[in-house]
Amino acid sequence: MDQVELMLKELTGAIGISGHEDDVSGVMEKHLAGLGEIFYDRLGSLICKKTGKAGGPAVMLAAHMDEVGFMVKQVTRDGFIKFLPIGGWWGHVALAQRVTVRSAKGDFVGIVGSKPPHDLQEDEKKKVVEFRDMFIDVGATSAFDVEKKLGIRPGDPVVPWSPFTVMDNPRLYMAKAWDDRIGCAEIIEVFRKLQKAKHPNVIYGVGTVQEEVGLRGAQTSVTAVKPDIGFALDVCIAHDVPGAGDGRPEKLGAGAAIVVYDGSMIPNPRLRDFVVDVAKAKRIPHHFASLEKGGTDSGKIHLHGTGVPSLSLCVPTRYIHSHTAIIDRKDFEAIVNLVTEVIMRLDAKTVAKLTR
């Protein structure tokens, strides 16, 4: 594995559902060390500041550190774990999948229990199983085993078990938590590319917390940063699989997805056009994307103060909000290159033209 793949393995392997992002921020802090001044807001979002020109425009790059997962709700007398979904899940993708349960005593493997088909009635086969009817089996036979021996209790985080894997097509990577560890990786790579570069602004790379439960970290960190320009680096849905394609351009290998609409914001059109012009001028692969449901950290960033021109740039990703997703490294590299080129051009005069 090269340097980038090793970093991606660390980021996706970290356990970090909403409200439990410390492992992820630790990985980010390790890779950002020496590239900027690192500090945190009081909700836990990591902020890395790099000054190109003192007094220049403040540019915020936000990527959320949390992943969709589960939280322990209850331990039954027989030693099974009842749980809550954290983030948006569809029940069927969770059944029979392996998970990691983290307690004060360590990390423990489990499986989301499901009935064998032999025990299902015909009407049951047609229904989506509700999370309240699911459970996690950690190989225990009593509540004592779970609570005393393993130390598992309500509130503990649970994440999918899905190790980082380079696929037979070496550009394609399979892992959990691409949403949004790939954005976290983009921030790190942009800061690396700008390490010795002169840029006309002050860059803030922000690993936000609790995005999957309401963009909460973006709301607090934007107050700490007070940006003039905001970018959310996230994922979007790849529509290149059977049953999902309707001619839409969001697909693996299509380059940087420039989001023209999502459920949390409509981007600043001047900033959008500026980014598109840079992409064309530098021949960086790109396309347009939209997300009718859901949103990104831009949803909170663009509403800060009297308003912040903002835009979301995303990596097309297959199977988001499930145990395992797939991305194309080509799209990751396109966003890193595009953001770097945009930052080099965002001087005070240019930023002033983006608003009335």
Protein backbone atom coordinates (compact mmCIF):
# COMPACT_ATOMS: atom_id res chain seq x y z
CA MET A 1 0.00 0.00 0.00
CA ASP A 2 1.18 3.52 -0.72
CA GLN A 3 0.97 6.46 1.69
CA VAL A 4 -2.56 7.42 0.66
CA GLU A 5 -3.91 3.88 0.97
CA LEU A 6 -2.37 3.49 4.43
CA MET A 7 -4.01 6.75 5.51
CA LEU A 8 -7.36 5.65 4.11
CA LYS A 9 -7.06 2.33 5.92
CA GLU A 10 -6.46 4.16 9.22
CA LEU A 11 -9.33 6.58 8.70
CA THR A 12 -11.93 4.01 7.68
CA GLY A 13 -10.79 1.57 10.35
CA ALA A 14 -11.34 4.08 13.13
CA ILE A 15 -14.52 3.67 15.19
CA GLY A 16 -16.53 6.87 15.22
CA ILE A 17 -20.32 7.04 15.24
CA SER A 18 -21.88 10.42 15.96
CA GLY A 19 -20.78 11.66 19.36
CA HIS A 20 -17.87 9.17 19.51
CA GLU A 21 -15.38 10.61 17.02
CA ASP A 22 -12.22 10.70 19.17
CA ASP A 23 -10.48 7.87 17.29
CA VAL A 24 -11.04 9.63 13.99
CA SER A 25 -9.84 13.01 15.21
CA GLY A 26 -6.75 11.25 16.55
CA VAL A 27 -5.96 9.89 13.09
CA MET A 28 -6.56 13.27 11.49
CA GLU A 29 -4.40 15.01 14.08
CA LYS A 30 -1.59 12.55 13.43
CA HIS A 31 -1.60 13.23 9.69
CA LEU A 32 -2.07 17.00 10.01
CA ALA A 33 0.74 17.39 12.55
CA GLY A 34 3.16 20.05 11.34
CA LEU A 35 0.84 21.25 8.57
CA GLY A 36 -1.06 23.81 10.63
CA GLU A 37 -2.24 24.91 14.06
CA ILE A 38 -4.64 22.31 15.48
CA PHE A 39 -7.38 23.05 18.00
CA TYR A 40 -10.93 21.91 18.81
CA ASP A 41 -14.32 23.47 19.34
CA ARG A 42 -16.25 22.53 22.47
CA LEU A 43 -18.38 19.90 20.72
CA GLY A 44 -15.28 18.03 19.54
CA SER A 45 -14.75 19.16 15.95
CA LEU A 46 -11.08 19.29 14.94
CA ILE A 47 -9.86 22.52 13.33
CA CYS A 48 -6.51 22.88 11.54
CA LYS A 49 -5.52 26.43 10.57
CA LYS A 50 -2.92 27.28 7.92
CA THR A 51 -2.17 30.91 7.16
CA GLY A 52 -1.11 31.72 3.63
CA LYS A 53 -1.66 35.48 3.85
CA ALA A 54 -2.46 37.01 7.22
CA GLY A 55 -5.74 38.88 7.04
CA GLY A 56 -6.73 37.11 3.84
CA PRO A 57 -10.14 35.51 3.34
CA ALA A 58 -10.98 32.64 5.70
CA VAL A 59 -11.75 29.48 3.73
CA MET A 60 -13.38 26.57 5.56
CA LEU A 61 -13.01 22.99 4.31
CA ALA A 62 -15.38 20.77 6.28
CA ALA A 63 -15.60 16.98 6.30
CA HIS A 64 -17.51 15.08 8.95
CA MET A 65 -15.68 12.51 11.04
CA ASP A 66 -18.72 10.54 12.20
CA GLU A 67 -20.08 7.47 10.46
CA VAL A 68 -23.46 5.81 10.48
CA GLY A 69 -23.66 2.99 12.99
CA PHE A 70 -25.56 1.92 16.05
CA MET A 71 -25.74 2.48 19.79
CA VAL A 72 -26.41 -0.05 22.52
CA LYS A 73 -29.91 0.48 23.90
CA GLN A 74 -30.41 -2.49 26.22
CA VAL A 75 -28.91 -5.84 27.20
CA THR A 76 -31.49 -8.62 27.52
CA ARG A 77 -31.47 -11.23 30.28
CA ASP A 78 -30.25 -13.79 27.75
CA GLY A 79 -27.26 -11.64 26.78
CA PHE A 80 -28.46 -10.18 23.48
CA ILE A 81 -27.99 -6.49 22.66
CA LYS A 82 -30.89 -4.32 21.56
CA PHE A 83 -29.69 -1.26 19.66
CA LEU A 84 -30.57 2.07 18.08
CA PRO A 85 -29.61 3.18 14.56
CA ILE A 86 -27.36 6.25 14.43
CA GLY A 87 -27.80 8.02 11.11
CA GLY A 88 -29.99 6.99 8.18
CA TRP A 89 -30.31 3.21 7.75
CA TRP A 90 -32.53 0.87 5.78
CA GLY A 91 -33.18 -2.15 7.96
CA HIS A 92 -32.50 -4.85 5.38
CA VAL A 93 -28.87 -3.87 4.87
CA ALA A 94 -28.10 -4.42 8.57
CA LEU A 95 -29.40 -7.96 8.98
CA ALA A 96 -26.83 -10.77 9.33
CA GLN A 97 -23.92 -8.32 9.15
CA ARG A 98 -20.89 -8.38 11.44
CA VAL A 99 -20.34 -5.45 13.79
CA THR A 100 -17.82 -4.21 16.34
CA VAL A 101 -19.16 -3.24 19.76
CA ARG A 102 -16.90 -0.96 21.77
CA SER A 103 -17.04 -0.91 25.56
CA ALA A 104 -14.76 0.40 28.29
CA LYS A 105 -13.10 -3.04 28.28
CA GLY A 106 -12.36 -3.24 24.57
CA ASP A 107 -13.81 -3.99 21.14
CA PHE A 108 -15.94 -7.10 20.64
CA VAL A 109 -17.20 -8.74 17.50
CA GLY A 110 -20.89 -9.45 17.06
CA ILE A 111 -23.49 -10.14 14.42
CA VAL A 112 -26.91 -8.64 13.81
CA GLY A 113 -29.13 -11.64 14.38
CA SER A 114 -31.69 -12.77 11.86
CA LYS A 115 -34.07 -15.65 11.43
CA PRO A 116 -33.04 -18.42 9.02
CA PRO A 117 -35.34 -18.57 5.97
CA HIS A 118 -36.68 -21.93 7.17
CA ASP A 119 -38.41 -20.17 10.09
CA LEU A 120 -39.91 -17.30 8.09
CA GLN A 121 -43.57 -17.18 7.18
CA GLU A 122 -44.36 -16.02 3.65
CA ASP A 123 -45.68 -12.65 4.83
CA GLU A 124 -42.53 -12.09 6.92
CA LYS A 125 -40.33 -12.45 3.85
CA LYS A 126 -42.04 -9.42 2.29
CA LYS A 127 -41.55 -7.07 5.24
CA VAL A 128 -38.66 -4.79 6.19
CA VAL A 129 -37.56 -5.82 9.66
CA GLU A 130 -37.71 -2.93 12.12
CA PHE A 131 -34.64 -2.11 14.20
CA ARG A 132 -36.64 -2.58 17.36
CA ASP A 133 -37.01 -6.24 16.39
CA MET A 134 -33.29 -6.77 15.72
CA PHE A 135 -30.54 -7.71 18.14
CA ILE A 136 -26.78 -8.17 18.23
CA ASP A 137 -25.27 -11.49 19.27
CA VAL A 138 -21.79 -11.18 20.84
CA GLY A 139 -21.59 -14.85 21.78
CA ALA A 140 -22.85 -14.41 25.34
CA THR A 141 -25.35 -16.52 27.26
CA SER A 142 -26.48 -14.02 29.88
CA ALA A 143 -26.65 -10.34 30.73
CA PHE A 144 -23.87 -10.99 33.23
CA ASP A 145 -21.50 -12.03 30.45
CA VAL A 146 -22.26 -8.92 28.42
CA GLU A 147 -22.32 -6.33 31.20
CA LYS A 148 -19.70 -7.68 33.62
CA LYS A 149 -17.27 -9.65 31.49
CA LEU A 150 -17.38 -7.52 28.34
CA GLY A 151 -18.32 -4.24 30.00
CA ILE A 152 -20.97 -3.46 27.38
CA ARG A 153 -23.69 -1.06 28.52
CA PRO A 154 -26.29 1.32 27.06
CA GLY A 155 -24.73 4.19 25.15
CA ASP A 156 -21.77 2.20 23.82
CA PRO A 157 -21.04 2.62 20.09
CA VAL A 158 -21.42 -0.10 17.48
CA VAL A 159 -19.97 0.10 13.97
CA PRO A 160 -20.00 -2.15 10.91
CA TRP A 161 -17.11 -4.58 10.58
CA SER A 162 -15.73 -4.00 7.10
CA PRO A 163 -11.95 -3.73 6.69
CA PHE A 164 -10.34 -1.51 4.06
CA THR A 165 -9.81 -3.54 0.87
CA VAL A 166 -8.13 -2.72 -2.43
CA MET A 167 -10.27 -4.41 -5.08
CA ASP A 168 -9.06 -6.28 -8.19
CA ASN A 169 -9.38 -2.97 -10.00
CA PRO A 170 -6.66 -1.26 -7.92
CA ARG A 171 -8.32 2.15 -8.26
CA LEU A 172 -11.40 0.95 -6.39
CA TYR A 173 -11.44 0.82 -2.61
CA MET A 174 -14.00 -0.99 -0.46
CA ALA A 175 -14.53 -0.16 3.23
CA LYS A 176 -16.95 1.12 5.81
CA ALA A 177 -17.31 4.82 6.64
CA TRP A 178 -16.35 6.38 3.31
CA ASP A 179 -19.12 8.74 4.34
CA ASP A 180 -17.20 10.79 5.26
CA ARG A 181 -13.67 9.60 5.95
CA ILE A 182 -12.85 10.25 2.30
CA GLY A 183 -13.58 13.94 2.94
CA CYS A 184 -11.31 13.86 5.99
CA ALA A 185 -8.57 12.38 3.79
CA GLU A 186 -9.09 15.13 1.21
CA ILE A 187 -8.48 17.79 3.85
CA ILE A 188 -5.23 16.09 4.86
CA GLU A 189 -4.05 15.80 1.25
CA VAL A 190 -4.94 19.43 0.43
CA PHE A 191 -2.93 20.60 3.46
CA ARG A 192 -0.02 18.44 2.31
CA LYS A 193 -0.12 19.97 -1.17
CA LEU A 194 -0.24 23.47 0.30
CA GLN A 195 2.51 22.82 2.84
CA LYS A 196 5.09 24.96 1.04
CA ALA A 197 2.76 26.88 -1.26
CA LYS A 198 1.88 30.55 -1.02
CA HIS A 199 -1.86 31.07 -1.01
CA PRO A 200 -3.76 34.37 -0.56
CA ASN A 201 -5.96 33.31 2.33
CA VAL A 202 -6.26 31.47 5.64
CA ILE A 203 -7.36 27.84 5.34
CA TYR A 204 -9.28 26.00 8.04
CA GLY A 205 -9.55 22.24 7.63
CA VAL A 206 -12.37 21.06 9.89
CA GLY A 207 -13.25 17.51 10.86
CA THR A 208 -16.79 18.00 12.09
CA VAL A 209 -18.73 15.85 14.56
CA GLN A 210 -22.32 14.62 14.55
CA GLU A 211 -23.12 15.41 10.92
CA GLU A 212 -25.20 12.26 10.52
CA VAL A 213 -27.61 13.36 13.24
CA GLY A 214 -28.21 16.94 12.16
CA LEU A 215 -25.04 18.74 10.96
CA ARG A 216 -24.32 19.64 14.58
CA GLY A 217 -20.53 19.92 14.41
CA ALA A 218 -20.72 22.23 11.41
CA GLN A 219 -22.96 24.57 13.37
CA THR A 220 -20.47 24.92 16.24
CA SER A 221 -17.23 24.87 14.24
CA VAL A 222 -18.38 27.50 11.76
CA THR A 223 -18.84 29.81 14.74
CA ALA A 224 -15.23 29.17 15.73
CA VAL A 225 -13.88 29.68 12.20
CA LYS A 226 -16.10 32.57 10.97
CA PRO A 227 -15.34 31.79 7.31
CA ASP A 228 -15.72 34.00 4.27
CA ILE A 229 -16.06 30.93 2.01
CA GLY A 230 -17.17 27.40 2.88
CA PHE A 231 -16.75 24.02 1.24
CA ALA A 232 -18.21 20.71 2.42
CA LEU A 233 -16.18 17.73 1.22
CA ASP A 234 -18.46 14.71 1.34
CA VAL A 235 -19.86 11.82 -0.70
CA CYS A 236 -22.78 11.56 -3.08
CA ILE A 237 -24.69 8.59 -4.44
CA ALA A 238 -23.16 6.76 -7.39
CA HIS A 239 -25.98 5.94 -9.81
CA ASP A 240 -24.02 3.39 -11.82
CA VAL A 241 -25.47 0.18 -10.37
CA PRO A 242 -28.44 -1.88 -11.59
CA GLY A 243 -31.75 -0.29 -10.68
CA ALA A 244 -30.28 3.12 -9.85
CA GLY A 245 -29.20 4.48 -13.21
CA ASP A 246 -31.34 6.93 -15.14
CA GLY A 247 -28.61 8.51 -17.20
CA ARG A 248 -27.34 10.57 -14.27
CA PRO A 249 -23.62 11.44 -14.33
CA GLU A 250 -22.78 10.47 -10.75
CA LYS A 251 -20.67 7.37 -11.19
CA LEU A 252 -17.32 5.96 -10.12
CA GLY A 253 -14.49 7.57 -12.05
CA ALA A 254 -16.47 10.63 -13.15
CA GLY A 255 -14.28 12.98 -11.12
CA ALA A 256 -15.31 15.64 -8.63
CA ALA A 257 -19.06 15.93 -8.12
CA ILE A 258 -20.10 19.58 -7.90
CA VAL A 259 -23.39 19.59 -5.99
CA VAL A 260 -25.95 21.98 -7.47
CA TYR A 261 -28.65 21.12 -4.95
CA ASP A 262 -29.12 19.13 -1.78
CA GLY A 263 -31.76 18.98 0.92
CA SER A 264 -29.87 21.42 3.16
CA MET A 265 -28.78 24.16 0.76
CA ILE A 266 -28.68 25.69 -2.69
CA PRO A 267 -25.07 26.71 -3.40
CA ASN A 268 -23.88 30.22 -4.12
CA PRO A 269 -24.04 30.37 -7.95
CA ARG A 270 -21.02 32.65 -8.30
CA LEU A 271 -18.87 30.31 -6.21
CA ARG A 272 -20.22 27.31 -8.13
CA ASP A 273 -19.35 28.90 -11.48
CA PHE A 274 -15.92 29.94 -10.23
CA VAL A 275 -15.13 26.36 -9.20
CA VAL A 276 -16.40 25.02 -12.53
CA ASP A 277 -14.22 27.50 -14.43
CA VAL A 278 -11.16 26.40 -12.44
CA ALA A 279 -11.95 22.74 -13.12
CA LYS A 280 -12.25 23.41 -16.85
CA ALA A 281 -9.11 25.53 -16.99
CA LYS A 282 -7.02 22.89 -15.20
CA ARG A 283 -8.69 19.96 -17.01
CA ILE A 284 -9.82 18.38 -13.75
CA PRO A 285 -12.52 15.71 -14.27
CA HIS A 286 -15.83 16.90 -12.83
CA HIS A 287 -19.58 16.61 -13.20
CA PHE A 288 -22.74 17.93 -11.56
CA ALA A 289 -24.70 16.14 -8.87
CA SER A 290 -27.84 16.65 -6.83
CA LEU A 291 -29.20 15.08 -3.67
CA GLU A 292 -32.91 15.53 -3.17
CA LYS A 293 -32.86 14.00 0.31
CA GLY A 294 -30.28 14.59 3.00
CA GLY A 295 -27.67 17.30 3.19
CA THR A 296 -24.07 18.18 3.96
CA ASP A 297 -22.21 20.42 6.38
CA SER A 298 -22.70 23.26 3.90
CA GLY A 299 -26.27 23.34 5.16
CA LYS A 300 -25.10 24.95 8.40
CA ILE A 301 -22.01 26.74 7.07
CA HIS A 302 -23.88 28.85 4.51
CA LEU A 303 -26.29 30.15 7.17
CA HIS A 304 -23.63 31.44 9.56
CA GLY A 305 -23.79 35.13 10.44
CA THR A 306 -25.15 37.09 7.50
CA GLY A 307 -24.38 34.22 5.12
CA VAL A 308 -21.33 32.39 3.76
CA PRO A 309 -20.94 31.54 0.04
CA SER A 310 -20.70 27.77 0.15
CA LEU A 311 -20.48 24.71 -2.07
CA SER A 312 -20.35 20.94 -1.61
CA LEU A 313 -17.84 18.81 -3.52
CA CYS A 314 -18.40 15.08 -3.34
CA VAL A 315 -16.96 11.70 -4.26
CA PRO A 316 -19.48 9.40 -6.01
CA THR A 317 -19.86 6.39 -3.74
CA ARG A 318 -21.69 3.10 -4.11
CA TYR A 319 -23.77 1.73 -1.22
CA ILE A 320 -23.50 4.61 1.24
CA HIS A 321 -25.17 4.16 4.64
CA SER A 322 -24.56 0.45 4.61
CA HIS A 323 -21.85 -1.83 5.98
CA THR A 324 -19.56 -1.56 2.96
CA ALA A 325 -19.17 1.08 0.26
CA ILE A 326 -16.94 1.54 -2.80
CA ILE A 327 -15.11 4.60 -4.13
CA ASP A 328 -12.72 5.32 -7.00
CA ARG A 329 -9.36 6.87 -6.10
CA LYS A 330 -9.54 8.90 -9.31
CA ASP A 331 -12.47 10.90 -7.87
CA PHE A 332 -10.65 11.48 -4.59
CA GLU A 333 -7.63 12.83 -6.46
CA ALA A 334 -9.82 15.06 -8.64
CA ILE A 335 -11.32 16.77 -5.59
CA VAL A 336 -7.92 17.21 -3.92
CA ASN A 337 -6.54 18.83 -7.06
CA LEU A 338 -9.62 20.98 -7.62
CA VAL A 339 -9.77 22.28 -4.05
CA THR A 340 -6.06 23.04 -4.08
CA GLU A 341 -6.33 25.01 -7.33
CA VAL A 342 -9.40 26.90 -6.09
CA ILE A 343 -7.67 27.87 -2.84
CA MET A 344 -4.71 29.29 -4.77
CA ARG A 345 -7.10 31.68 -6.52
CA LEU A 346 -9.36 32.77 -3.65
CA ASP A 347 -7.85 36.15 -2.89
CA ALA A 348 -9.73 39.02 -1.26
CA LYS A 349 -10.71 40.57 -4.60
CA THR A 350 -12.14 37.31 -5.92
CA VAL A 351 -14.03 36.56 -2.70
CA ALA A 352 -15.54 40.05 -2.70
CA LYS A 353 -17.09 39.36 -6.12
CA LEU A 354 -18.97 36.32 -4.85
CA THR A 355 -21.51 38.34 -2.90
CA ARG A 356 -23.48 41.48 -3.62
